[in-house]
Structure formats: C-alpha cells, structure tokens
C-alpha cells in the first residue's frame, strides 16, 4: 500500500497517476479561481 492510498483516499486505485492529476487540477483550479475572484472583487481588475 502506498502513502497515497491512505488517509481520506481509502479506495482501490487512489494512487493512480490519472486520479492524482485530476485531484491536483481540481484543487489548483479552485484556488486559482478564488484568487482571481478576490482580486476582481477587491480591486476592480478587468
């Protein structure tokens, strides 16, 4: 069992590279969207 198959990712195949890539994309995309939204709200950019 790898380290990626523990914790909250307790299902078979949790350490597959495609699953890790999709999860990373979703997390980083959400953070990016929140930062852009915050900058547009605070400074009226764009």
PDB file of N, CA and C in Angstrom:
ATOM      1  N   UNK A   1       0.849  -1.183   0.000  1.00  0.00           N
ATOM      2  CA  UNK A   1       0.000   0.000   0.000  1.00  0.00           C
ATOM      3  C   UNK A   1       0.892   1.244   0.000  1.00  0.00           C
ATOM      4  N   UNK A   2       0.631   2.140  -0.917  1.00  0.00           N
ATOM      5  CA  UNK A   2       1.417   3.368  -0.966  1.00  0.00           C
ATOM      6  C   UNK A   2       0.850   4.399  -0.002  1.00  0.00           C
ATOM      7  N   UNK A   3       1.602   5.459   0.215  1.00  0.00           N
ATOM      8  CA  UNK A   3       1.143   6.526   1.105  1.00  0.00           C
ATOM      9  C   UNK A   3      -0.083   7.240   0.549  1.00  0.00           C
ATOM     10  N   UNK A   4      -0.245   7.260  -0.796  1.00  0.00           N
ATOM     11  CA  UNK A   4      -1.394   7.942  -1.384  1.00  0.00           C
ATOM     12  C   UNK A   4      -2.682   7.148  -1.220  1.00  0.00           C
ATOM     13  N   UNK A   5      -2.581   5.891  -0.822  1.00  0.00           N
ATOM     14  CA  UNK A   5      -3.754   5.056  -0.664  1.00  0.00           C
ATOM     15  C   UNK A   5      -4.191   4.989   0.799  1.00  0.00           C
ATOM     16  N   UNK A   6      -3.822   5.971   1.576  1.00  0.00           N
ATOM     17  CA  UNK A   6      -4.197   6.051   2.996  1.00  0.00           C
ATOM     18  C   UNK A   6      -4.926   7.356   3.256  1.00  0.00           C
ATOM     19  N   UNK A   7      -5.339   7.545   4.471  1.00  0.00           N
ATOM     20  CA  UNK A   7      -5.997   8.796   4.834  1.00  0.00           C
ATOM     21  C   UNK A   7      -7.399   8.868   4.257  1.00  0.00           C
ATOM     22  N   UNK A   8      -7.770  10.023   3.677  1.00  0.00           N
ATOM     23  CA  UNK A   8      -9.131  10.187   3.166  1.00  0.00           C
ATOM     24  C   UNK A   8      -9.312   9.520   1.812  1.00  0.00           C
ATOM     25  N   UNK A   9      -8.211   9.121   1.154  1.00  0.00           N
ATOM     26  CA  UNK A   9      -8.293   8.463  -0.154  1.00  0.00           C
ATOM     27  C   UNK A   9      -8.267   6.947   0.048  1.00  0.00           C
ATOM     28  N   UNK A  10      -9.211   6.410   0.811  1.00  0.00           N
ATOM     29  CA  UNK A  10      -9.226   4.988   1.142  1.00  0.00           C
ATOM     30  C   UNK A  10     -10.043   4.198   0.128  1.00  0.00           C
ATOM     31  N   UNK A  11      -9.578   4.140  -1.109  1.00  0.00           N
ATOM     32  CA  UNK A  11     -10.222   3.283  -2.082  1.00  0.00           C
ATOM     33  C   UNK A  11      -9.159   2.733  -3.021  1.00  0.00           C
ATOM     34  N   UNK A  12      -9.458   1.606  -3.620  1.00  0.00           N
ATOM     35  CA  UNK A  12      -8.501   0.982  -4.522  1.00  0.00           C
ATOM     36  C   UNK A  12      -8.253   1.873  -5.725  1.00  0.00           C
ATOM     37  N   UNK A  13      -7.004   2.048  -6.071  1.00  0.00           N
ATOM     38  CA  UNK A  13      -6.652   2.870  -7.222  1.00  0.00           C
ATOM     39  C   UNK A  13      -6.474   4.332  -6.894  1.00  0.00           C
ATOM     40  N   UNK A  14      -6.458   4.692  -5.622  1.00  0.00           N
ATOM     41  CA  UNK A  14      -6.311   6.097  -5.241  1.00  0.00           C
ATOM     42  C   UNK A  14      -4.935   6.640  -5.591  1.00  0.00           C
ATOM     43  N   UNK A  15      -3.982   5.742  -5.807  1.00  0.00           N
ATOM     44  CA  UNK A  15      -2.632   6.196  -6.117  1.00  0.00           C
ATOM     45  C   UNK A  15      -2.331   6.151  -7.612  1.00  0.00           C
ATOM     46  N   UNK A  16      -3.356   5.981  -8.451  1.00  0.00           N
ATOM     47  CA  UNK A  16      -3.144   6.004  -9.899  1.00  0.00           C
ATOM     48  C   UNK A  16      -2.779   7.429 -10.323  1.00  0.00           C
ATOM     49  N   UNK A  17      -1.824   7.566 -11.218  1.00  0.00           N
ATOM     50  CA  UNK A  17      -1.396   8.908 -11.639  1.00  0.00           C
ATOM     51  C   UNK A  17      -2.525   9.771 -12.207  1.00  0.00           C
ATOM     52  N   UNK A  18      -3.462   9.180 -12.925  1.00  0.00           N
ATOM     53  CA  UNK A  18      -4.552   9.984 -13.507  1.00  0.00           C
ATOM     54  C   UNK A  18      -5.468  10.532 -12.421  1.00  0.00           C
ATOM     55  N   UNK A  19      -5.711   9.748 -11.381  1.00  0.00           N
ATOM     56  CA  UNK A  19      -6.547  10.218 -10.265  1.00  0.00           C
ATOM     57  C   UNK A  19      -5.838  11.350  -9.517  1.00  0.00           C
ATOM     58  N   UNK A  20      -4.542  11.197  -9.295  1.00  0.00           N
ATOM     59  CA  UNK A  20      -3.761  12.230  -8.619  1.00  0.00           C
ATOM     60  C   UNK A  20      -3.742  13.505  -9.461  1.00  0.00           C
ATOM     61  N   UNK A  21      -3.592  13.368 -10.772  1.00  0.00           N
ATOM     62  CA  UNK A  21      -3.552  14.535 -11.659  1.00  0.00           C
ATOM     63  C   UNK A  21      -4.894  15.262 -11.676  1.00  0.00           C
ATOM     64  N   UNK A  22      -5.992  14.511 -11.731  1.00  0.00           N
ATOM     65  CA  UNK A  22      -7.312  15.144 -11.726  1.00  0.00           C
ATOM     66  C   UNK A  22      -7.555  15.863 -10.406  1.00  0.00           C
ATOM     67  N   UNK A  23      -7.190  15.248  -9.303  1.00  0.00           N
ATOM     68  CA  UNK A  23      -7.364  15.877  -7.992  1.00  0.00           C
ATOM     69  C   UNK A  23      -6.543  17.161  -7.881  1.00  0.00           C
ATOM     70  N   UNK A  24      -5.297  17.091  -8.338  1.00  0.00           N
ATOM     71  CA  UNK A  24      -4.437  18.274  -8.291  1.00  0.00           C
ATOM     72  C   UNK A  24      -4.999  19.384  -9.163  1.00  0.00           C
ATOM     73  N   UNK A  25      -5.493  19.035 -10.347  1.00  0.00           N
ATOM     74  CA  UNK A  25      -6.077  20.028 -11.242  1.00  0.00           C
ATOM     75  C   UNK A  25      -7.287  20.698 -10.600  1.00  0.00           C
ATOM     76  N   UNK A  26      -8.153  19.914  -9.973  1.00  0.00           N
ATOM     77  CA  UNK A  26      -9.339  20.480  -9.324  1.00  0.00           C
ATOM     78  C   UNK A  26      -8.968  21.406  -8.171  1.00  0.00           C
ATOM     79  N   UNK A  27      -8.017  20.984  -7.355  1.00  0.00           N
ATOM     80  CA  UNK A  27      -7.617  21.797  -6.202  1.00  0.00           C
ATOM     81  C   UNK A  27      -6.956  23.089  -6.665  1.00  0.00           C
ATOM     82  N   UNK A  28      -5.985  22.978  -7.568  1.00  0.00           N
ATOM     83  CA  UNK A  28      -5.280  24.177  -8.035  1.00  0.00           C
ATOM     84  C   UNK A  28      -6.198  25.088  -8.840  1.00  0.00           C
ATOM     85  N   UNK A  29      -7.101  24.514  -9.611  1.00  0.00           N
ATOM     86  CA  UNK A  29      -8.061  25.322 -10.358  1.00  0.00           C
ATOM     87  C   UNK A  29      -8.995  26.086  -9.438  1.00  0.00           C
ATOM     88  N   UNK A  30      -9.439  25.444  -8.377  1.00  0.00           N
ATOM     89  CA  UNK A  30     -10.315  26.119  -7.411  1.00  0.00           C
ATOM     90  C   UNK A  30      -9.590  27.251  -6.707  1.00  0.00           C
ATOM     91  N   UNK A  31      -8.346  27.013  -6.323  1.00  0.00           N
ATOM     92  CA  UNK A  31      -7.563  28.063  -5.664  1.00  0.00           C
ATOM     93  C   UNK A  31      -7.352  29.235  -6.613  1.00  0.00           C
ATOM     94  N   UNK A  32      -7.019  28.938  -7.864  1.00  0.00           N
ATOM     95  CA  UNK A  32      -6.810  29.994  -8.848  1.00  0.00           C
ATOM     96  C   UNK A  32      -8.081  30.805  -9.060  1.00  0.00           C
ATOM     97  N   UNK A  33      -9.212  30.118  -9.175  1.00  0.00           N
ATOM     98  CA  UNK A  33     -10.486  30.814  -9.363  1.00  0.00           C
ATOM     99  C   UNK A  33     -10.806  31.715  -8.173  1.00  0.00           C
ATOM    100  N   UNK A  34     -10.541  31.243  -6.964  1.00  0.00           N
ATOM    101  CA  UNK A  34     -10.803  32.070  -5.782  1.00  0.00           C
ATOM    102  C   UNK A  34      -9.895  33.292  -5.722  1.00  0.00           C
ATOM    103  N   UNK A  35      -8.625  33.126  -6.091  1.00  0.00           N
ATOM    104  CA  UNK A  35      -7.694  34.259  -6.086  1.00  0.00           C
ATOM    105  C   UNK A  35      -8.121  35.289  -7.119  1.00  0.00           C
ATOM    106  N   UNK A  36      -8.481  34.840  -8.316  1.00  0.00           N
ATOM    107  CA  UNK A  36      -8.924  35.771  -9.359  1.00  0.00           C
ATOM    108  C   UNK A  36     -10.198  36.488  -8.934  1.00  0.00           C
ATOM    109  N   UNK A  37     -11.140  35.739  -8.370  1.00  0.00           N
ATOM    110  CA  UNK A  37     -12.381  36.359  -7.897  1.00  0.00           C
ATOM    111  C   UNK A  37     -12.100  37.401  -6.817  1.00  0.00           C
ATOM    112  N   UNK A  38     -11.196  37.075  -5.880  1.00  0.00           N
ATOM    113  CA  UNK A  38     -10.872  38.003  -4.793  1.00  0.00           C
ATOM    114  C   UNK A  38     -10.214  39.270  -5.335  1.00  0.00           C
ATOM    115  N   UNK A  39      -9.292  39.108  -6.285  1.00  0.00           N
ATOM    116  CA  UNK A  39      -8.635  40.282  -6.857  1.00  0.00           C
ATOM    117  C   UNK A  39      -9.626  41.153  -7.628  1.00  0.00           C
ATOM    118  N   UNK A  40     -10.530  40.533  -8.370  1.00  0.00           N
ATOM    119  CA  UNK A  40     -11.513  41.304  -9.129  1.00  0.00           C
ATOM    120  C   UNK A  40     -12.480  42.004  -8.184  1.00  0.00           C
ATOM    121  N   UNK A  41     -12.832  41.360  -7.083  1.00  0.00           N
ATOM    122  CA  UNK A  41     -13.770  41.975  -6.135  1.00  0.00           C
ATOM    123  C   UNK A  41     -13.128  43.121  -5.371  1.00  0.00           C
ATOM    124  N   UNK A  42     -11.877  42.958  -5.006  1.00  0.00           N
ATOM    125  CA  UNK A  42     -11.216  43.952  -4.166  1.00  0.00           C
ATOM    126  C   UNK A  42     -10.694  45.134  -4.969  1.00  0.00           C
ATOM    127  N   UNK A  43     -10.194  44.890  -6.175  1.00  0.00           N
ATOM    128  CA  UNK A  43      -9.517  45.948  -6.913  1.00  0.00           C
ATOM    129  C   UNK A  43     -10.156  46.314  -8.238  1.00  0.00           C
ATOM    130  N   UNK A  44     -11.285  45.752  -8.548  1.00  0.00           N
ATOM    131  CA  UNK A  44     -11.998  46.010  -9.797  1.00  0.00           C
ATOM    132  C   UNK A  44     -11.040  45.893 -10.980  1.00  0.00           C
ATOM    133  N   UNK A  45     -10.408  44.731 -11.077  1.00  0.00           N
ATOM    134  CA  UNK A  45      -9.495  44.454 -12.173  1.00  0.00           C
ATOM    135  C   UNK A  45     -10.302  43.879 -13.322  1.00  0.00           C
ATOM    136  N   UNK A  46     -10.074  44.390 -14.507  1.00  0.00           N
ATOM    137  CA  UNK A  46     -10.753  43.833 -15.683  1.00  0.00           C
ATOM    138  C   UNK A  46     -12.047  44.453 -15.960  1.00  0.00           C
TER     139      UNK A  46
END
